[in-house]
PDB file of all heavy atoms in Angstrom:
ATOM      1  N   PHE A   1       0.833  -1.208   0.000  1.00  0.00           N
ATOM      2  CA  PHE A   1       0.000   0.000   0.000  1.00  0.00           C
ATOM      3  C   PHE A   1       0.864   1.254   0.000  1.00  0.00           C
ATOM      4  O   PHE A   1       0.556   2.237  -0.687  1.00  0.00           O
ATOM      5  CB  PHE A   1      -0.916  -0.004   1.226  1.00  0.00           C
ATOM      6  CG  PHE A   1      -1.884   1.143   1.260  1.00  0.00           C
ATOM      7  CD1 PHE A   1      -2.990   1.168   0.439  1.00  0.00           C
ATOM      8  CD2 PHE A   1      -1.668   2.216   2.127  1.00  0.00           C
ATOM      9  CE1 PHE A   1      -3.878   2.223   0.471  1.00  0.00           C
ATOM     10  CE2 PHE A   1      -2.545   3.277   2.167  1.00  0.00           C
ATOM     11  CZ  PHE A   1      -3.664   3.283   1.338  1.00  0.00           C
ATOM     12  N   ALA A   2       1.971   1.224   0.772  1.00  0.00           N
ATOM     13  CA  ALA A   2       2.881   2.374   0.805  1.00  0.00           C
ATOM     14  C   ALA A   2       3.513   2.612  -0.564  1.00  0.00           C
ATOM     15  O   ALA A   2       3.616   3.763  -1.017  1.00  0.00           O
ATOM     16  CB  ALA A   2       3.961   2.154   1.855  1.00  0.00           C
ATOM     17  N   VAL A   3       3.909   1.528  -1.227  1.00  0.00           N
ATOM     18  CA  VAL A   3       4.475   1.668  -2.574  1.00  0.00           C
ATOM     19  C   VAL A   3       3.445   2.244  -3.530  1.00  0.00           C
ATOM     20  O   VAL A   3       3.738   3.126  -4.352  1.00  0.00           O
ATOM     21  CB  VAL A   3       4.995   0.302  -3.078  1.00  0.00           C
ATOM     22  CG1 VAL A   3       5.382   0.378  -4.555  1.00  0.00           C
ATOM     23  CG2 VAL A   3       6.186  -0.158  -2.245  1.00  0.00           C
ATOM     24  N   PHE A   4       2.213   1.744  -3.426  1.00  0.00           N
ATOM     25  CA  PHE A   4       1.132   2.235  -4.287  1.00  0.00           C
ATOM     26  C   PHE A   4       0.898   3.736  -4.085  1.00  0.00           C
ATOM     27  O   PHE A   4       0.662   4.480  -5.038  1.00  0.00           O
ATOM     28  CB  PHE A   4      -0.145   1.455  -3.987  1.00  0.00           C
ATOM     29  CG  PHE A   4      -1.337   1.905  -4.781  1.00  0.00           C
ATOM     30  CD1 PHE A   4      -1.481   1.540  -6.114  1.00  0.00           C
ATOM     31  CD2 PHE A   4      -2.321   2.686  -4.192  1.00  0.00           C
ATOM     32  CE1 PHE A   4      -2.579   1.959  -6.844  1.00  0.00           C
ATOM     33  CE2 PHE A   4      -3.419   3.105  -4.911  1.00  0.00           C
ATOM     34  CZ  PHE A   4      -3.549   2.738  -6.245  1.00  0.00           C
ATOM     35  N   VAL A   5       0.969   4.191  -2.828  1.00  0.00           N
ATOM     36  CA  VAL A   5       0.756   5.609  -2.524  1.00  0.00           C
ATOM     37  C   VAL A   5       1.939   6.457  -2.980  1.00  0.00           C
ATOM     38  O   VAL A   5       1.767   7.590  -3.459  1.00  0.00           O
ATOM     39  CB  VAL A   5       0.504   5.790  -1.011  1.00  0.00           C
ATOM     40  CG1 VAL A   5       0.511   7.263  -0.634  1.00  0.00           C
ATOM     41  CG2 VAL A   5      -0.824   5.155  -0.618  1.00  0.00           C
ATOM     42  N   LEU A   6       3.151   5.921  -2.849  1.00  0.00           N
ATOM     43  CA  LEU A   6       4.353   6.706  -3.137  1.00  0.00           C
ATOM     44  C   LEU A   6       4.697   6.778  -4.621  1.00  0.00           C
ATOM     45  O   LEU A   6       5.450   7.666  -5.027  1.00  0.00           O
ATOM     46  CB  LEU A   6       5.543   6.130  -2.374  1.00  0.00           C
ATOM     47  CG  LEU A   6       5.532   6.330  -0.854  1.00  0.00           C
ATOM     48  CD1 LEU A   6       6.704   5.596  -0.219  1.00  0.00           C
ATOM     49  CD2 LEU A   6       5.581   7.811  -0.505  1.00  0.00           C
ATOM     50  N   ILE A   7       4.163   5.877  -5.437  1.00  0.00           N
ATOM     51  CA  ILE A   7       4.491   5.889  -6.868  1.00  0.00           C
ATOM     52  C   ILE A   7       4.186   7.239  -7.525  1.00  0.00           C
ATOM     53  O   ILE A   7       5.035   7.788  -8.243  1.00  0.00           O
ATOM     54  CB  ILE A   7       3.778   4.732  -7.597  1.00  0.00           C
ATOM     55  CG1 ILE A   7       4.500   3.413  -7.314  1.00  0.00           C
ATOM     56  CG2 ILE A   7       3.736   4.971  -9.108  1.00  0.00           C
ATOM     57  CD1 ILE A   7       3.821   2.204  -7.926  1.00  0.00           C
ATOM     58  N   PRO A   8       2.995   7.840  -7.314  1.00  0.00           N
ATOM     59  CA  PRO A   8       2.753   9.159  -7.928  1.00  0.00           C
ATOM     60  C   PRO A   8       3.714  10.243  -7.429  1.00  0.00           C
ATOM     61  O   PRO A   8       4.086  11.136  -8.188  1.00  0.00           O
ATOM     62  CB  PRO A   8       1.303   9.479  -7.526  1.00  0.00           C
ATOM     63  CG  PRO A   8       0.698   8.167  -7.195  1.00  0.00           C
ATOM     64  CD  PRO A   8       1.789   7.347  -6.625  1.00  0.00           C
ATOM     65  N   VAL A   9       4.110  10.156  -6.146  1.00  0.00           N
ATOM     66  CA  VAL A   9       5.034  11.151  -5.594  1.00  0.00           C
ATOM     67  C   VAL A   9       6.406  11.011  -6.237  1.00  0.00           C
ATOM     68  O   VAL A   9       7.038  12.006  -6.627  1.00  0.00           O
ATOM     69  CB  VAL A   9       5.133  10.995  -4.058  1.00  0.00           C
ATOM     70  CG1 VAL A   9       6.105  12.007  -3.485  1.00  0.00           C
ATOM     71  CG2 VAL A   9       3.767  11.143  -3.408  1.00  0.00           C
ATOM     72  N   VAL A  10       6.877   9.765  -6.365  1.00  0.00           N
ATOM     73  CA  VAL A  10       8.166   9.530  -7.014  1.00  0.00           C
ATOM     74  C   VAL A  10       8.124   9.981  -8.468  1.00  0.00           C
ATOM     75  O   VAL A  10       9.069  10.592  -8.984  1.00  0.00           O
ATOM     76  CB  VAL A  10       8.546   8.040  -6.923  1.00  0.00           C
ATOM     77  CG1 VAL A  10       9.820   7.754  -7.700  1.00  0.00           C
ATOM     78  CG2 VAL A  10       8.721   7.634  -5.460  1.00  0.00           C
ATOM     79  N   PHE A  11       7.006   9.698  -9.136  1.00  0.00           N
ATOM     80  CA  PHE A  11       6.846  10.134 -10.526  1.00  0.00           C
ATOM     81  C   PHE A  11       6.930  11.658 -10.636  1.00  0.00           C
ATOM     82  O   PHE A  11       7.590  12.193 -11.536  1.00  0.00           O
ATOM     83  CB  PHE A  11       5.508   9.643 -11.080  1.00  0.00           C
ATOM     84  CG  PHE A  11       5.169  10.205 -12.431  1.00  0.00           C
ATOM     85  CD1 PHE A  11       5.714   9.656 -13.579  1.00  0.00           C
ATOM     86  CD2 PHE A  11       4.324  11.296 -12.557  1.00  0.00           C
ATOM     87  CE1 PHE A  11       5.415  10.178 -14.827  1.00  0.00           C
ATOM     88  CE2 PHE A  11       4.017  11.826 -13.798  1.00  0.00           C
ATOM     89  CZ  PHE A  11       4.564  11.263 -14.940  1.00  0.00           C
ATOM     90  N   MET A  12       6.269  12.361  -9.711  1.00  0.00           N
ATOM     91  CA  MET A  12       6.280  13.822  -9.741  1.00  0.00           C
ATOM     92  C   MET A  12       7.700  14.362  -9.601  1.00  0.00           C
ATOM     93  O   MET A  12       8.124  15.244 -10.370  1.00  0.00           O
ATOM     94  CB  MET A  12       5.390  14.376  -8.620  1.00  0.00           C
ATOM     95  CG  MET A  12       5.375  15.896  -8.530  1.00  0.00           C
ATOM     96  SD  MET A  12       4.357  16.490  -7.155  1.00  0.00           S
ATOM     97  CE  MET A  12       5.348  15.956  -5.743  1.00  0.00           C
ATOM     98  N   PHE A  13       8.464  13.831  -8.632  1.00  0.00           N
ATOM     99  CA  PHE A  13       9.813  14.340  -8.397  1.00  0.00           C
ATOM    100  C   PHE A  13      10.758  13.990  -9.550  1.00  0.00           C
ATOM    101  O   PHE A  13      11.567  14.823  -9.960  1.00  0.00           O
ATOM    102  CB  PHE A  13      10.361  13.787  -7.079  1.00  0.00           C
ATOM    103  CG  PHE A  13       9.899  14.537  -5.865  1.00  0.00           C
ATOM    104  CD1 PHE A  13       8.810  14.098  -5.132  1.00  0.00           C
ATOM    105  CD2 PHE A  13      10.550  15.687  -5.455  1.00  0.00           C
ATOM    106  CE1 PHE A  13       8.370  14.796  -4.017  1.00  0.00           C
ATOM    107  CE2 PHE A  13      10.121  16.396  -4.341  1.00  0.00           C
ATOM    108  CZ  PHE A  13       9.031  15.943  -3.619  1.00  0.00           C
ATOM    109  N   THR A  14      10.668  12.774 -10.064  1.00  0.00           N
ATOM    110  CA  THR A  14      11.571  12.395 -11.159  1.00  0.00           C
ATOM    111  C   THR A  14      11.202  13.114 -12.454  1.00  0.00           C
ATOM    112  O   THR A  14      12.084  13.547 -13.200  1.00  0.00           O
ATOM    113  CB  THR A  14      11.541  10.876 -11.376  1.00  0.00           C
ATOM    114  OG1 THR A  14      10.191  10.450 -11.622  1.00  0.00           O
ATOM    115  CG2 THR A  14      12.095  10.152 -10.161  1.00  0.00           C
ATOM    116  N   ALA A  15       9.903  13.259 -12.706  1.00  0.00           N
ATOM    117  CA  ALA A  15       9.477  13.926 -13.942  1.00  0.00           C
ATOM    118  C   ALA A  15       9.846  15.400 -13.941  1.00  0.00           C
ATOM    119  O   ALA A  15      10.051  15.997 -15.007  1.00  0.00           O
ATOM    120  CB  ALA A  15       7.969  13.764 -14.131  1.00  0.00           C
ATOM    121  N   SER A  16       9.940  15.997 -12.769  1.00  0.00           N
ATOM    122  CA  SER A  16      10.302  17.416 -12.700  1.00  0.00           C
ATOM    123  C   SER A  16      11.736  17.665 -13.153  1.00  0.00           C
ATOM    124  O   SER A  16      12.113  18.807 -13.427  1.00  0.00           O
ATOM    125  CB  SER A  16      10.114  17.939 -11.276  1.00  0.00           C
ATOM    126  OG  SER A  16      11.057  17.342 -10.385  1.00  0.00           O
ATOM    127  N   LEU A  17      12.524  16.596 -13.245  1.00  0.00           N
ATOM    128  CA  LEU A  17      13.932  16.721 -13.643  1.00  0.00           C
ATOM    129  C   LEU A  17      14.196  16.172 -15.043  1.00  0.00           C
ATOM    130  O   LEU A  17      15.340  15.983 -15.429  1.00  0.00           O
ATOM    131  CB  LEU A  17      14.825  15.995 -12.636  1.00  0.00           C
ATOM    132  CG  LEU A  17      14.801  16.548 -11.204  1.00  0.00           C
ATOM    133  CD1 LEU A  17      15.540  15.615 -10.262  1.00  0.00           C
ATOM    134  CD2 LEU A  17      15.408  17.941 -11.150  1.00  0.00           C
ATOM    135  N   MET A  18      13.116  15.914 -15.784  1.00  0.00           N
ATOM    136  CA  MET A  18      13.261  15.343 -17.119  1.00  0.00           C
ATOM    137  C   MET A  18      12.718  16.291 -18.186  1.00  0.00           C
ATOM    138  O   MET A  18      11.797  17.085 -17.917  1.00  0.00           O
ATOM    139  CB  MET A  18      12.491  14.024 -17.224  1.00  0.00           C
ATOM    140  CG  MET A  18      12.973  12.910 -16.345  1.00  0.00           C
ATOM    141  SD  MET A  18      11.982  11.421 -16.624  1.00  0.00           S
ATOM    142  CE  MET A  18      12.646  10.345 -15.366  1.00  0.00           C
ATOM    143  N   PRO A  19      13.231  16.183 -19.417  1.00  0.00           N
ATOM    144  CA  PRO A  19      12.586  16.872 -20.534  1.00  0.00           C
ATOM    145  C   PRO A  19      11.269  16.191 -20.879  1.00  0.00           C
ATOM    146  O   PRO A  19      11.048  15.026 -20.531  1.00  0.00           O
ATOM    147  CB  PRO A  19      13.603  16.743 -21.672  1.00  0.00           C
ATOM    148  CG  PRO A  19      14.415  15.556 -21.321  1.00  0.00           C
ATOM    149  CD  PRO A  19      14.464  15.501 -19.826  1.00  0.00           C
ATOM    150  N   ALA A  20      10.396  16.899 -21.580  1.00  0.00           N
ATOM    151  CA  ALA A  20       9.066  16.377 -21.866  1.00  0.00           C
ATOM    152  C   ALA A  20       9.104  15.080 -22.647  1.00  0.00           C
ATOM    153  O   ALA A  20       8.279  14.186 -22.428  1.00  0.00           O
ATOM    154  CB  ALA A  20       8.258  17.432 -22.628  1.00  0.00           C
ATOM    155  N   ARG A  21      10.069  14.929 -23.553  1.00  0.00           N
ATOM    156  CA  ARG A  21      10.117  13.724 -24.382  1.00  0.00           C
ATOM    157  C   ARG A  21      10.387  12.472 -23.541  1.00  0.00           C
ATOM    158  O   ARG A  21       9.908  11.375 -23.851  1.00  0.00           O
ATOM    159  CB  ARG A  21      11.177  13.873 -25.476  1.00  0.00           C
ATOM    160  CG  ARG A  21      12.600  14.012 -24.970  1.00  0.00           C
ATOM    161  CD  ARG A  21      13.607  14.122 -26.103  1.00  0.00           C
ATOM    162  NE  ARG A  21      14.971  14.224 -25.607  1.00  0.00           N
ATOM    163  CZ  ARG A  21      15.540  15.369 -25.256  1.00  0.00           C
ATOM    164  NH1 ARG A  21      14.862  16.512 -25.362  1.00  0.00           N
ATOM    165  NH2 ARG A  21      16.791  15.385 -24.814  1.00  0.00           N
ATOM    166  N   ASP A  22      11.172  12.608 -22.463  1.00  0.00           N
ATOM    167  CA  ASP A  22      11.447  11.463 -21.593  1.00  0.00           C
ATOM    168  C   ASP A  22      10.230  11.115 -20.736  1.00  0.00           C
ATOM    169  O   ASP A  22       9.981   9.941 -20.443  1.00  0.00           O
ATOM    170  CB  ASP A  22      12.641  11.749 -20.692  1.00  0.00           C
ATOM    171  CG  ASP A  22      13.950  11.781 -21.461  1.00  0.00           C
ATOM    172  OD1 ASP A  22      13.956  11.378 -22.641  1.00  0.00           O
ATOM    173  OD2 ASP A  22      14.972  12.237 -20.902  1.00  0.00           O
ATOM    174  N   ILE A  23       9.499  12.132 -20.318  1.00  0.00           N
ATOM    175  CA  ILE A  23       8.324  11.892 -19.471  1.00  0.00           C
ATOM    176  C   ILE A  23       7.269  11.091 -20.226  1.00  0.00           C
ATOM    177  O   ILE A  23       6.613  10.208 -19.672  1.00  0.00           O
ATOM    178  CB  ILE A  23       7.737  13.225 -18.975  1.00  0.00           C
ATOM    179  CG1 ILE A  23       8.763  13.965 -18.111  1.00  0.00           C
ATOM    180  CG2 ILE A  23       6.452  13.008 -18.186  1.00  0.00           C
ATOM    181  CD1 ILE A  23       8.323  15.358 -17.716  1.00  0.00           C
ATOM    182  N   MET A  24       7.115  11.385 -21.504  1.00  0.00           N
ATOM    183  CA  MET A  24       6.079  10.738 -22.303  1.00  0.00           C
ATOM    184  C   MET A  24       6.533   9.424 -22.927  1.00  0.00           C
ATOM    185  O   MET A  24       5.758   8.769 -23.620  1.00  0.00           O
ATOM    186  CB  MET A  24       5.613  11.694 -23.412  1.00  0.00           C
ATOM    187  CG  MET A  24       5.136  13.038 -22.920  1.00  0.00           C
ATOM    188  SD  MET A  24       3.802  12.913 -21.696  1.00  0.00           S
ATOM    189  CE  MET A  24       2.487  12.192 -22.684  1.00  0.00           C
ATOM    190  N   SER A  25       7.785   9.040 -22.701  1.00  0.00           N
ATOM    191  CA  SER A  25       8.287   7.812 -23.313  1.00  0.00           C
ATOM    192  C   SER A  25       7.780   6.579 -22.570  1.00  0.00           C
ATOM    193  O   SER A  25       7.468   6.631 -21.376  1.00  0.00           O
ATOM    194  CB  SER A  25       9.820   7.812 -23.316  1.00  0.00           C
ATOM    195  OG  SER A  25      10.317   7.855 -21.985  1.00  0.00           O
ATOM    196  N   ILE A  26       7.654   5.465 -23.295  1.00  0.00           N
ATOM    197  CA  ILE A  26       7.203   4.193 -22.739  1.00  0.00           C
ATOM    198  C   ILE A  26       8.253   3.126 -23.059  1.00  0.00           C
ATOM    199  O   ILE A  26       8.600   2.955 -24.240  1.00  0.00           O
ATOM    200  CB  ILE A  26       5.835   3.795 -23.321  1.00  0.00           C
ATOM    201  CG1 ILE A  26       4.774   4.855 -22.957  1.00  0.00           C
ATOM    202  CG2 ILE A  26       5.400   2.442 -22.780  1.00  0.00           C
ATOM    203  CD1 ILE A  26       3.430   4.592 -23.590  1.00  0.00           C
ATOM    204  N   PRO A  27       8.765   2.401 -22.044  1.00  0.00           N
ATOM    205  CA  PRO A  27       8.457   2.515 -20.611  1.00  0.00           C
ATOM    206  C   PRO A  27       9.047   3.784 -19.999  1.00  0.00           C
ATOM    207  O   PRO A  27      10.009   4.342 -20.524  1.00  0.00           O
ATOM    208  CB  PRO A  27       9.101   1.263 -20.020  1.00  0.00           C
ATOM    209  CG  PRO A  27      10.236   0.966 -20.942  1.00  0.00           C
ATOM    210  CD  PRO A  27       9.761   1.342 -22.315  1.00  0.00           C
ATOM    211  N   TYR A  28       8.451   4.180 -18.886  1.00  0.00           N
ATOM    212  CA  TYR A  28       8.880   5.416 -18.238  1.00  0.00           C
ATOM    213  C   TYR A  28      10.246   5.227 -17.575  1.00  0.00           C
ATOM    214  O   TYR A  28      10.438   4.297 -16.782  1.00  0.00           O
ATOM    215  CB  TYR A  28       7.851   5.844 -17.203  1.00  0.00           C
ATOM    216  CG  TYR A  28       8.244   7.071 -16.420  1.00  0.00           C
ATOM    217  CD1 TYR A  28       8.200   8.336 -16.993  1.00  0.00           C
ATOM    218  CD2 TYR A  28       8.653   6.956 -15.086  1.00  0.00           C
ATOM    219  CE1 TYR A  28       8.566   9.456 -16.270  1.00  0.00           C
ATOM    220  CE2 TYR A  28       9.011   8.077 -14.362  1.00  0.00           C
ATOM    221  CZ  TYR A  28       8.966   9.324 -14.959  1.00  0.00           C
ATOM    222  OH  TYR A  28       9.328  10.433 -14.250  1.00  0.00           O
ATOM    223  N   PRO A  29      11.224   6.092 -17.854  1.00  0.00           N
ATOM    224  CA  PRO A  29      12.549   5.992 -17.201  1.00  0.00           C
ATOM    225  C   PRO A  29      12.504   6.619 -15.806  1.00  0.00           C
ATOM    226  O   PRO A  29      12.501   7.848 -15.656  1.00  0.00           O
ATOM    227  CB  PRO A  29      13.448   6.797 -18.143  1.00  0.00           C
ATOM    228  CG  PRO A  29      12.548   7.795 -18.773  1.00  0.00           C
ATOM    229  CD  PRO A  29      11.182   7.155 -18.881  1.00  0.00           C
ATOM    230  N   TRP A  30      12.472   5.780 -14.790  1.00  0.00           N
ATOM    231  CA  TRP A  30      12.300   6.302 -13.433  1.00  0.00           C
ATOM    232  C   TRP A  30      13.521   7.081 -12.946  1.00  0.00           C
ATOM    233  O   TRP A  30      13.421   7.882 -12.019  1.00  0.00           O
ATOM    234  CB  TRP A  30      12.003   5.150 -12.478  1.00  0.00           C
ATOM    235  CG  TRP A  30      10.631   4.586 -12.699  1.00  0.00           C
ATOM    236  CD1 TRP A  30      10.295   3.502 -13.448  1.00  0.00           C
ATOM    237  CD2 TRP A  30       9.403   5.106 -12.176  1.00  0.00           C
ATOM    238  NE1 TRP A  30       8.940   3.301 -13.435  1.00  0.00           N
ATOM    239  CE2 TRP A  30       8.366   4.273 -12.654  1.00  0.00           C
ATOM    240  CE3 TRP A  30       9.082   6.183 -11.363  1.00  0.00           C
ATOM    241  CZ2 TRP A  30       7.036   4.484 -12.342  1.00  0.00           C
ATOM    242  CZ3 TRP A  30       7.756   6.405 -11.048  1.00  0.00           C
ATOM    243  CH2 TRP A  30       6.747   5.565 -11.526  1.00  0.00           C
ATOM    244  N   ILE A  31      14.678   6.870 -13.545  1.00  0.00           N
ATOM    245  CA  ILE A  31      15.884   7.621 -13.182  1.00  0.00           C
ATOM    246  C   ILE A  31      16.202   8.589 -14.322  1.00  0.00           C
ATOM    247  O   ILE A  31      16.403   8.155 -15.467  1.00  0.00           O
ATOM    248  CB  ILE A  31      17.082   6.686 -12.937  1.00  0.00           C
ATOM    249  CG1 ILE A  31      16.758   5.718 -11.798  1.00  0.00           C
ATOM    250  CG2 ILE A  31      18.339   7.491 -12.620  1.00  0.00           C
ATOM    251  CD1 ILE A  31      17.840   4.699 -11.542  1.00  0.00           C
ATOM    252  N   PRO A  32      16.212   9.911 -14.061  1.00  0.00           N
ATOM    253  CA  PRO A  32      16.489  10.880 -15.136  1.00  0.00           C
ATOM    254  C   PRO A  32      17.870  10.657 -15.752  1.00  0.00           C
ATOM    255  O   PRO A  32      18.855  10.434 -15.045  1.00  0.00           O
ATOM    256  CB  PRO A  32      16.417  12.231 -14.418  1.00  0.00           C
ATOM    257  CG  PRO A  32      15.640  11.972 -13.172  1.00  0.00           C
ATOM    258  CD  PRO A  32      15.939  10.557 -12.777  1.00  0.00           C
ATOM    259  N   ARG A  33      17.910  10.684 -17.084  1.00  0.00           N
ATOM    260  CA  ARG A  33      19.196  10.543 -17.773  1.00  0.00           C
ATOM    261  C   ARG A  33      20.063  11.776 -17.547  1.00  0.00           C
ATOM    262  O   ARG A  33      21.268  11.681 -17.353  1.00  0.00           O
ATOM    263  CB  ARG A  33      18.951  10.324 -19.269  1.00  0.00           C
ATOM    264  CG  ARG A  33      18.175   9.048 -19.590  1.00  0.00           C
ATOM    265  CD  ARG A  33      18.053   8.851 -21.100  1.00  0.00           C
ATOM    266  NE  ARG A  33      17.294   7.630 -21.400  1.00  0.00           N
ATOM    267  CZ  ARG A  33      15.990   7.618 -21.611  1.00  0.00           C
ATOM    268  NH1 ARG A  33      15.296   8.747 -21.553  1.00  0.00           N
ATOM    269  NH2 ARG A  33      15.373   6.480 -21.884  1.00  0.00           N
ATOM    270  N   THR A  34      19.435  12.946 -17.611  1.00  0.00           N
ATOM    271  CA  THR A  34      20.103  14.223 -17.321  1.00  0.00           C
ATOM    272  C   THR A  34      19.180  15.056 -16.448  1.00  0.00           C
ATOM    273  O   THR A  34      17.953  14.934 -16.538  1.00  0.00           O
ATOM    274  CB  THR A  34      20.421  15.001 -18.607  1.00  0.00           C
ATOM    275  OG1 THR A  34      19.205  15.229 -19.333  1.00  0.00           O
ATOM    276  CG2 THR A  34      21.413  14.237 -19.484  1.00  0.00           C
ATOM    277  N   LEU A  35      19.755  15.892 -15.618  1.00  0.00           N
ATOM    278  CA  LEU A  35      18.955  16.745 -14.738  1.00  0.00           C
ATOM    279  C   LEU A  35      18.517  17.986 -15.502  1.00  0.00           C
ATOM    280  O   LEU A  35      19.315  18.868 -15.806  1.00  0.00           O
ATOM    281  CB  LEU A  35      19.749  17.122 -13.493  1.00  0.00           C
ATOM    282  CG  LEU A  35      20.182  15.947 -12.601  1.00  0.00           C
ATOM    283  CD1 LEU A  35      20.931  16.459 -11.383  1.00  0.00           C
ATOM    284  CD2 LEU A  35      18.986  15.104 -12.189  1.00  0.00           C
ATOM    285  N   HIS A  36      17.215  18.055 -15.788  1.00  0.00           N
ATOM    286  CA  HIS A  36      16.657  19.162 -16.578  1.00  0.00           C
ATOM    287  C   HIS A  36      16.192  20.265 -15.610  1.00  0.00           C
ATOM    288  O   HIS A  36      14.988  20.475 -15.398  1.00  0.00           O
ATOM    289  CB  HIS A  36      15.489  18.644 -17.415  1.00  0.00           C
ATOM    290  CG  HIS A  36      15.307  19.359 -18.717  1.00  0.00           C
ATOM    291  ND1 HIS A  36      16.248  19.359 -19.729  1.00  0.00           N
ATOM    292  CD2 HIS A  36      14.282  20.118 -19.169  1.00  0.00           C
ATOM    293  CE1 HIS A  36      15.807  20.066 -20.747  1.00  0.00           C
ATOM    294  NE2 HIS A  36      14.623  20.543 -20.427  1.00  0.00           N
ATOM    295  N   ILE A  37      17.150  20.969 -15.012  1.00  0.00           N
ATOM    296  CA  ILE A  37      16.848  21.958 -13.973  1.00  0.00           C
ATOM    297  C   ILE A  37      16.019  23.120 -14.516  1.00  0.00           C
ATOM    298  O   ILE A  37      15.271  23.773 -13.770  1.00  0.00           O
ATOM    299  CB  ILE A  37      18.153  22.486 -13.345  1.00  0.00           C
ATOM    300  CG1 ILE A  37      18.990  21.329 -12.801  1.00  0.00           C
ATOM    301  CG2 ILE A  37      17.859  23.482 -12.223  1.00  0.00           C
ATOM    302  CD1 ILE A  37      18.320  20.559 -11.705  1.00  0.00           C
ATOM    303  N   GLN A  38      16.082  23.394 -15.807  1.00  0.00           N
ATOM    304  CA  GLN A  38      15.354  24.533 -16.364  1.00  0.00           C
ATOM    305  C   GLN A  38      13.839  24.389 -16.235  1.00  0.00           C
ATOM    306  O   GLN A  38      13.106  25.365 -16.408  1.00  0.00           O
ATOM    307  CB  GLN A  38      15.730  24.777 -17.821  1.00  0.00           C
ATOM    308  CG  GLN A  38      15.621  23.576 -18.732  1.00  0.00           C
ATOM    309  CD  GLN A  38      16.944  22.849 -18.874  1.00  0.00           C
ATOM    310  OE1 GLN A  38      17.672  22.665 -17.886  1.00  0.00           O
ATOM    311  NE2 GLN A  38      17.274  22.466 -20.092  1.00  0.00           N
ATOM    312  N   ASN A  39      13.371  23.176 -15.923  1.00  0.00           N
ATOM    313  CA  ASN A  39      11.939  23.009 -15.665  1.00  0.00           C
ATOM    314  C   ASN A  39      11.481  23.877 -14.498  1.00  0.00           C
ATOM    315  O   ASN A  39      10.403  24.470 -14.524  1.00  0.00           O
ATOM    316  CB  ASN A  39      11.624  21.542 -15.354  1.00  0.00           C
ATOM    317  CG  ASN A  39      11.690  20.665 -16.583  1.00  0.00           C
ATOM    318  OD1 ASN A  39      11.577  21.150 -17.711  1.00  0.00           O
ATOM    319  ND2 ASN A  39      11.891  19.368 -16.384  1.00  0.00           N
TER     320      ASN A  39
END
């Protein structure tokens, strides 16, 4: 249950450091390849 609850939070934090093309890719890369700080 904790993992189920935390998945959206982890997605939010990791996606904030990715370019849009990586966020929309399938499968989703949970570890950012590069830190996209300009977001």
